Each structure stands twice: as structure tokens, then as C-alpha cells.
């Protein structure tokens, strides 16, 4: 039986996408972030981890076990 509570990771955008490459801007949108100081809570999966790693210089990550 699957665990009812899935692990999540909370990310907050702390850097501006202005002057960044288009793929980094698209990654922020994929993470449900597109403006400064927005916060998103996503399921902790390898795909989300890869996206976070790509733009880690623009994010603050919380709840990462």
C-alpha cells in the first residue's frame, strides 16, 4: 500500500529571470514560478529535483529531506 503522505519540497524564487537564458525562464515557469518571491510546493520527484538544480541560483529550497 502506498504511503498517503507524499514528500514535498517548498521552493521560493529569490532571483530575477531578467537576462537569463530562455531555457532557465521556461524551467521557472515549469516550477510554477515566474515572479520574484513567489513560493511553490511541489512533489519531491527526480524530475522536479533536476529542474531545481538547473535554476538553483535563483531559488531558495525548503523542506528538502
PDB file of N, CA and C in Angstrom:
ATOM      1  N   UNK A   1       0.839  -1.169   0.000  1.00  0.00           N
ATOM      2  CA  UNK A   1       0.000   0.000   0.000  1.00  0.00           C
ATOM      3  C   UNK A   1       0.894   1.247   0.000  1.00  0.00           C
ATOM      4  N   UNK A   2       0.581   2.180  -0.853  1.00  0.00           N
ATOM      5  CA  UNK A   2       1.369   3.389  -0.996  1.00  0.00           C
ATOM      6  C   UNK A   2       1.165   4.314   0.195  1.00  0.00           C
ATOM      7  N   UNK A   3       2.219   5.028   0.537  1.00  0.00           N
ATOM      8  CA  UNK A   3       2.150   5.986   1.628  1.00  0.00           C
ATOM      9  C   UNK A   3       1.254   7.149   1.218  1.00  0.00           C
ATOM     10  N   UNK A   4       0.270   7.487   2.057  1.00  0.00           N
ATOM     11  CA  UNK A   4      -0.694   8.529   1.717  1.00  0.00           C
ATOM     12  C   UNK A   4      -0.047   9.910   1.685  1.00  0.00           C
ATOM     13  N   UNK A   5       0.971  10.113   2.524  1.00  0.00           N
ATOM     14  CA  UNK A   5       1.628  11.422   2.572  1.00  0.00           C
ATOM     15  C   UNK A   5       2.874  11.389   1.698  1.00  0.00           C
ATOM     16  N   UNK A   6       2.849  12.152   0.618  1.00  0.00           N
ATOM     17  CA  UNK A   6       3.996  12.203  -0.284  1.00  0.00           C
ATOM     18  C   UNK A   6       4.934  13.314   0.159  1.00  0.00           C
ATOM     19  N   UNK A   7       6.211  13.108  -0.075  1.00  0.00           N
ATOM     20  CA  UNK A   7       7.183  14.127   0.275  1.00  0.00           C
ATOM     21  C   UNK A   7       7.057  15.296  -0.680  1.00  0.00           C
ATOM     22  N   UNK A   8       7.176  16.488  -0.129  1.00  0.00           N
ATOM     23  CA  UNK A   8       7.100  17.689  -0.947  1.00  0.00           C
ATOM     24  C   UNK A   8       8.328  18.548  -0.684  1.00  0.00           C
ATOM     25  N   UNK A   9       8.574  19.438  -1.613  1.00  0.00           N
ATOM     26  CA  UNK A   9       9.656  20.392  -1.476  1.00  0.00           C
ATOM     27  C   UNK A   9       9.071  21.780  -1.731  1.00  0.00           C
ATOM     28  N   UNK A  10       9.436  22.729  -0.876  1.00  0.00           N
ATOM     29  CA  UNK A  10       8.923  24.090  -0.989  1.00  0.00           C
ATOM     30  C   UNK A  10      10.035  24.959  -1.566  1.00  0.00           C
ATOM     31  N   UNK A  11       9.736  25.639  -2.674  1.00  0.00           N
ATOM     32  CA  UNK A  11      10.741  26.471  -3.324  1.00  0.00           C
ATOM     33  C   UNK A  11      10.216  27.894  -3.456  1.00  0.00           C
ATOM     34  N   UNK A  12      11.120  28.843  -3.270  1.00  0.00           N
ATOM     35  CA  UNK A  12      10.791  30.259  -3.381  1.00  0.00           C
ATOM     36  C   UNK A  12      11.770  30.895  -4.354  1.00  0.00           C
ATOM     37  N   UNK A  13      11.262  31.668  -5.274  1.00  0.00           N
ATOM     38  CA  UNK A  13      12.111  32.350  -6.237  1.00  0.00           C
ATOM     39  C   UNK A  13      12.706  33.591  -5.590  1.00  0.00           C
ATOM     40  N   UNK A  14      14.035  33.676  -5.568  1.00  0.00           N
ATOM     41  CA  UNK A  14      14.714  34.820  -4.962  1.00  0.00           C
ATOM     42  C   UNK A  14      15.560  35.584  -5.979  1.00  0.00           C
ATOM     43  N   UNK A  15      15.656  35.063  -7.202  1.00  0.00           N
ATOM     44  CA  UNK A  15      16.431  35.725  -8.243  1.00  0.00           C
ATOM     45  C   UNK A  15      15.558  36.053  -9.435  1.00  0.00           C
ATOM     46  N   UNK A  16      15.927  37.099 -10.157  1.00  0.00           N
ATOM     47  CA  UNK A  16      15.143  37.544 -11.297  1.00  0.00           C
ATOM     48  C   UNK A  16      15.508  36.763 -12.565  1.00  0.00           C
ATOM     49  N   UNK A  17      14.517  36.452 -13.397  1.00  0.00           N
ATOM     50  CA  UNK A  17      14.807  35.783 -14.655  1.00  0.00           C
ATOM     51  C   UNK A  17      15.256  36.744 -15.760  1.00  0.00           C
ATOM     52  N   UNK A  18      15.295  38.033 -15.457  1.00  0.00           N
ATOM     53  CA  UNK A  18      15.710  39.012 -16.463  1.00  0.00           C
ATOM     54  C   UNK A  18      17.176  38.762 -16.822  1.00  0.00           C
ATOM     55  N   UNK A  19      17.445  38.660 -18.102  1.00  0.00           N
ATOM     56  CA  UNK A  19      18.801  38.445 -18.577  1.00  0.00           C
ATOM     57  C   UNK A  19      19.243  36.993 -18.528  1.00  0.00           C
ATOM     58  N   UNK A  20      18.366  36.089 -18.182  1.00  0.00           N
ATOM     59  CA  UNK A  20      18.700  34.654 -18.135  1.00  0.00           C
ATOM     60  C   UNK A  20      18.348  34.013 -19.471  1.00  0.00           C
ATOM     61  N   UNK A  21      18.883  32.824 -19.698  1.00  0.00           N
ATOM     62  CA  UNK A  21      18.591  32.094 -20.928  1.00  0.00           C
ATOM     63  C   UNK A  21      17.118  31.672 -20.948  1.00  0.00           C
ATOM     64  N   UNK A  22      16.603  31.475 -22.153  1.00  0.00           N
ATOM     65  CA  UNK A  22      15.183  31.116 -22.299  1.00  0.00           C
ATOM     66  C   UNK A  22      14.858  29.794 -21.632  1.00  0.00           C
ATOM     67  N   UNK A  23      15.785  28.842 -21.657  1.00  0.00           N
ATOM     68  CA  UNK A  23      15.501  27.551 -21.028  1.00  0.00           C
ATOM     69  C   UNK A  23      15.393  27.684 -19.508  1.00  0.00           C
ATOM     70  N   UNK A  24      16.139  28.620 -18.915  1.00  0.00           N
ATOM     71  CA  UNK A  24      16.016  28.838 -17.479  1.00  0.00           C
ATOM     72  C   UNK A  24      14.687  29.505 -17.141  1.00  0.00           C
ATOM     73  N   UNK A  25      14.252  30.428 -17.965  1.00  0.00           N
ATOM     74  CA  UNK A  25      12.937  31.048 -17.757  1.00  0.00           C
ATOM     75  C   UNK A  25      11.834  29.996 -17.867  1.00  0.00           C
ATOM     76  N   UNK A  26      11.941  29.116 -18.867  1.00  0.00           N
ATOM     77  CA  UNK A  26      10.942  28.062 -19.053  1.00  0.00           C
ATOM     78  C   UNK A  26      10.933  27.105 -17.864  1.00  0.00           C
ATOM     79  N   UNK A  27      12.097  26.837 -17.303  1.00  0.00           N
ATOM     80  CA  UNK A  27      12.178  25.964 -16.136  1.00  0.00           C
ATOM     81  C   UNK A  27      11.474  26.594 -14.944  1.00  0.00           C
ATOM     82  N   UNK A  28      11.647  27.891 -14.751  1.00  0.00           N
ATOM     83  CA  UNK A  28      10.942  28.575 -13.660  1.00  0.00           C
ATOM     84  C   UNK A  28       9.428  28.482 -13.838  1.00  0.00           C
ATOM     85  N   UNK A  29       8.968  28.658 -15.047  1.00  0.00           N
ATOM     86  CA  UNK A  29       7.526  28.541 -15.317  1.00  0.00           C
ATOM     87  C   UNK A  29       7.058  27.115 -15.044  1.00  0.00           C
ATOM     88  N   UNK A  30       7.878  26.132 -15.419  1.00  0.00           N
ATOM     89  CA  UNK A  30       7.551  24.737 -15.149  1.00  0.00           C
ATOM     90  C   UNK A  30       7.471  24.425 -13.662  1.00  0.00           C
ATOM     91  N   UNK A  31       8.205  25.186 -12.863  1.00  0.00           N
ATOM     92  CA  UNK A  31       8.165  25.029 -11.406  1.00  0.00           C
ATOM     93  C   UNK A  31       7.076  25.884 -10.765  1.00  0.00           C
ATOM     94  N   UNK A  32       6.221  26.480 -11.595  1.00  0.00           N
ATOM     95  CA  UNK A  32       5.126  27.353 -11.163  1.00  0.00           C
ATOM     96  C   UNK A  32       5.631  28.643 -10.506  1.00  0.00           C
ATOM     97  N   UNK A  33       6.760  29.120 -11.000  1.00  0.00           N
ATOM     98  CA  UNK A  33       7.335  30.374 -10.512  1.00  0.00           C
ATOM     99  C   UNK A  33       7.566  31.268 -11.714  1.00  0.00           C
ATOM    100  N   UNK A  34       7.218  32.535 -11.621  1.00  0.00           N
ATOM    101  CA  UNK A  34       7.514  33.456 -12.705  1.00  0.00           C
ATOM    102  C   UNK A  34       7.687  34.879 -12.224  1.00  0.00           C
ATOM    103  N   UNK A  35       7.548  35.110 -10.928  1.00  0.00           N
ATOM    104  CA  UNK A  35       7.759  36.432 -10.358  1.00  0.00           C
ATOM    105  C   UNK A  35       8.543  36.276  -9.065  1.00  0.00           C
ATOM    106  N   UNK A  36       9.237  37.326  -8.715  1.00  0.00           N
ATOM    107  CA  UNK A  36      10.062  37.312  -7.513  1.00  0.00           C
ATOM    108  C   UNK A  36       9.223  37.026  -6.265  1.00  0.00           C
ATOM    109  N   UNK A  37       9.809  36.260  -5.358  1.00  0.00           N
ATOM    110  CA  UNK A  37       9.252  35.936  -4.039  1.00  0.00           C
ATOM    111  C   UNK A  37       7.977  35.099  -4.090  1.00  0.00           C
ATOM    112  N   UNK A  38       7.714  34.473  -5.219  1.00  0.00           N
ATOM    113  CA  UNK A  38       6.607  33.506  -5.277  1.00  0.00           C
ATOM    114  C   UNK A  38       7.095  32.190  -4.703  1.00  0.00           C
ATOM    115  N   UNK A  39       6.186  31.472  -4.077  1.00  0.00           N
ATOM    116  CA  UNK A  39       6.505  30.188  -3.467  1.00  0.00           C
ATOM    117  C   UNK A  39       5.637  29.107  -4.080  1.00  0.00           C
ATOM    118  N   UNK A  40       6.239  27.952  -4.280  1.00  0.00           N
ATOM    119  CA  UNK A  40       5.525  26.817  -4.843  1.00  0.00           C
ATOM    120  C   UNK A  40       5.894  25.575  -4.043  1.00  0.00           C
ATOM    121  N   UNK A  41       4.917  24.716  -3.802  1.00  0.00           N
ATOM    122  CA  UNK A  41       5.158  23.460  -3.106  1.00  0.00           C
ATOM    123  C   UNK A  41       4.863  22.329  -4.075  1.00  0.00           C
ATOM    124  N   UNK A  42       5.900  21.562  -4.404  1.00  0.00           N
ATOM    125  CA  UNK A  42       5.796  20.511  -5.411  1.00  0.00           C
ATOM    126  C   UNK A  42       6.179  19.166  -4.823  1.00  0.00           C
ATOM    127  N   UNK A  43       5.704  18.107  -5.463  1.00  0.00           N
ATOM    128  CA  UNK A  43       6.069  16.758  -5.063  1.00  0.00           C
ATOM    129  C   UNK A  43       7.555  16.541  -5.319  1.00  0.00           C
ATOM    130  N   UNK A  44       8.221  15.900  -4.400  1.00  0.00           N
ATOM    131  CA  UNK A  44       9.667  15.683  -4.483  1.00  0.00           C
ATOM    132  C   UNK A  44       9.944  14.470  -5.367  1.00  0.00           C
ATOM    133  N   UNK A  45      10.171  14.725  -6.660  1.00  0.00           N
ATOM    134  CA  UNK A  45      10.468  13.665  -7.622  1.00  0.00           C
ATOM    135  C   UNK A  45      11.817  13.961  -8.283  1.00  0.00           C
ATOM    136  N   UNK A  46      12.421  12.973  -8.925  1.00  0.00           N
ATOM    137  CA  UNK A  46      13.690  13.224  -9.619  1.00  0.00           C
ATOM    138  C   UNK A  46      13.573  14.293 -10.711  1.00  0.00           C
ATOM    139  N   UNK A  47      12.438  14.376 -11.379  1.00  0.00           N
ATOM    140  CA  UNK A  47      12.250  15.382 -12.424  1.00  0.00           C
ATOM    141  C   UNK A  47      12.244  16.786 -11.827  1.00  0.00           C
ATOM    142  N   UNK A  48      11.540  16.961 -10.721  1.00  0.00           N
ATOM    143  CA  UNK A  48      11.496  18.258 -10.061  1.00  0.00           C
ATOM    144  C   UNK A  48      12.874  18.606  -9.512  1.00  0.00           C
ATOM    145  N   UNK A  49      13.586  17.631  -8.960  1.00  0.00           N
ATOM    146  CA  UNK A  49      14.940  17.864  -8.453  1.00  0.00           C
ATOM    147  C   UNK A  49      15.873  18.348  -9.568  1.00  0.00           C
ATOM    148  N   UNK A  50      15.740  17.765 -10.753  1.00  0.00           N
ATOM    149  CA  UNK A  50      16.558  18.190 -11.885  1.00  0.00           C
ATOM    150  C   UNK A  50      16.254  19.617 -12.298  1.00  0.00           C
ATOM    151  N   UNK A  51      14.979  19.979 -12.282  1.00  0.00           N
ATOM    152  CA  UNK A  51      14.589  21.352 -12.632  1.00  0.00           C
ATOM    153  C   UNK A  51      15.126  22.333 -11.596  1.00  0.00           C
ATOM    154  N   UNK A  52      15.052  21.957 -10.331  1.00  0.00           N
ATOM    155  CA  UNK A  52      15.570  22.821  -9.264  1.00  0.00           C
ATOM    156  C   UNK A  52      17.078  23.006  -9.431  1.00  0.00           C
ATOM    157  N   UNK A  53      17.780  21.936  -9.746  1.00  0.00           N
ATOM    158  CA  UNK A  53      19.230  22.012  -9.912  1.00  0.00           C
ATOM    159  C   UNK A  53      19.614  22.944 -11.055  1.00  0.00           C
ATOM    160  N   UNK A  54      18.798  22.981 -12.091  1.00  0.00           N
ATOM    161  CA  UNK A  54      19.089  23.809 -13.256  1.00  0.00           C
ATOM    162  C   UNK A  54      19.032  25.301 -12.929  1.00  0.00           C
ATOM    163  N   UNK A  55      18.152  25.704 -12.033  1.00  0.00           N
ATOM    164  CA  UNK A  55      17.999  27.126 -11.684  1.00  0.00           C
ATOM    165  C   UNK A  55      18.211  27.354 -10.189  1.00  0.00           C
ATOM    166  N   UNK A  56      19.071  26.552  -9.578  1.00  0.00           N
ATOM    167  CA  UNK A  56      19.266  26.635  -8.134  1.00  0.00           C
ATOM    168  C   UNK A  56      19.784  27.990  -7.681  1.00  0.00           C
ATOM    169  N   UNK A  57      20.455  28.712  -8.556  1.00  0.00           N
ATOM    170  CA  UNK A  57      20.979  30.034  -8.208  1.00  0.00           C
ATOM    171  C   UNK A  57      19.871  31.085  -8.109  1.00  0.00           C
ATOM    172  N   UNK A  58      18.662  30.748  -8.550  1.00  0.00           N
ATOM    173  CA  UNK A  58      17.535  31.675  -8.493  1.00  0.00           C
ATOM    174  C   UNK A  58      16.510  31.280  -7.429  1.00  0.00           C
ATOM    175  N   UNK A  59      16.768  30.203  -6.682  1.00  0.00           N
ATOM    176  CA  UNK A  59      15.763  29.645  -5.771  1.00  0.00           C
ATOM    177  C   UNK A  59      16.275  29.502  -4.351  1.00  0.00           C
ATOM    178  N   UNK A  60      15.326  29.468  -3.417  1.00  0.00           N
ATOM    179  CA  UNK A  60      15.581  29.032  -2.046  1.00  0.00           C
ATOM    180  C   UNK A  60      14.757  27.765  -1.868  1.00  0.00           C
ATOM    181  N   UNK A  61      15.381  26.680  -1.434  1.00  0.00           N
ATOM    182  CA  UNK A  61      14.716  25.391  -1.306  1.00  0.00           C
ATOM    183  C   UNK A  61      14.543  25.078   0.173  1.00  0.00           C
ATOM    184  N   UNK A  62      13.304  24.697   0.547  1.00  0.00           N
ATOM    185  CA  UNK A  62      12.993  24.334   1.925  1.00  0.00           C
ATOM    186  C   UNK A  62      12.305  22.979   1.924  1.00  0.00           C
ATOM    187  N   UNK A  63      12.396  22.289   3.021  1.00  0.00           N
ATOM    188  CA  UNK A  63      11.708  21.016   3.156  1.00  0.00           C
ATOM    189  C   UNK A  63      12.365  19.892   2.388  1.00  0.00           C
ATOM    190  N   UNK A  64      13.622  20.074   2.039  1.00  0.00           N
ATOM    191  CA  UNK A  64      14.350  19.014   1.332  1.00  0.00           C
ATOM    192  C   UNK A  64      14.985  18.102   2.368  1.00  0.00           C
ATOM    193  N   UNK A  65      14.469  16.899   2.466  1.00  0.00           N
ATOM    194  CA  UNK A  65      14.988  15.956   3.467  1.00  0.00           C
ATOM    195  C   UNK A  65      16.220  15.259   2.966  1.00  0.00           C
TER     196      UNK A  65
END
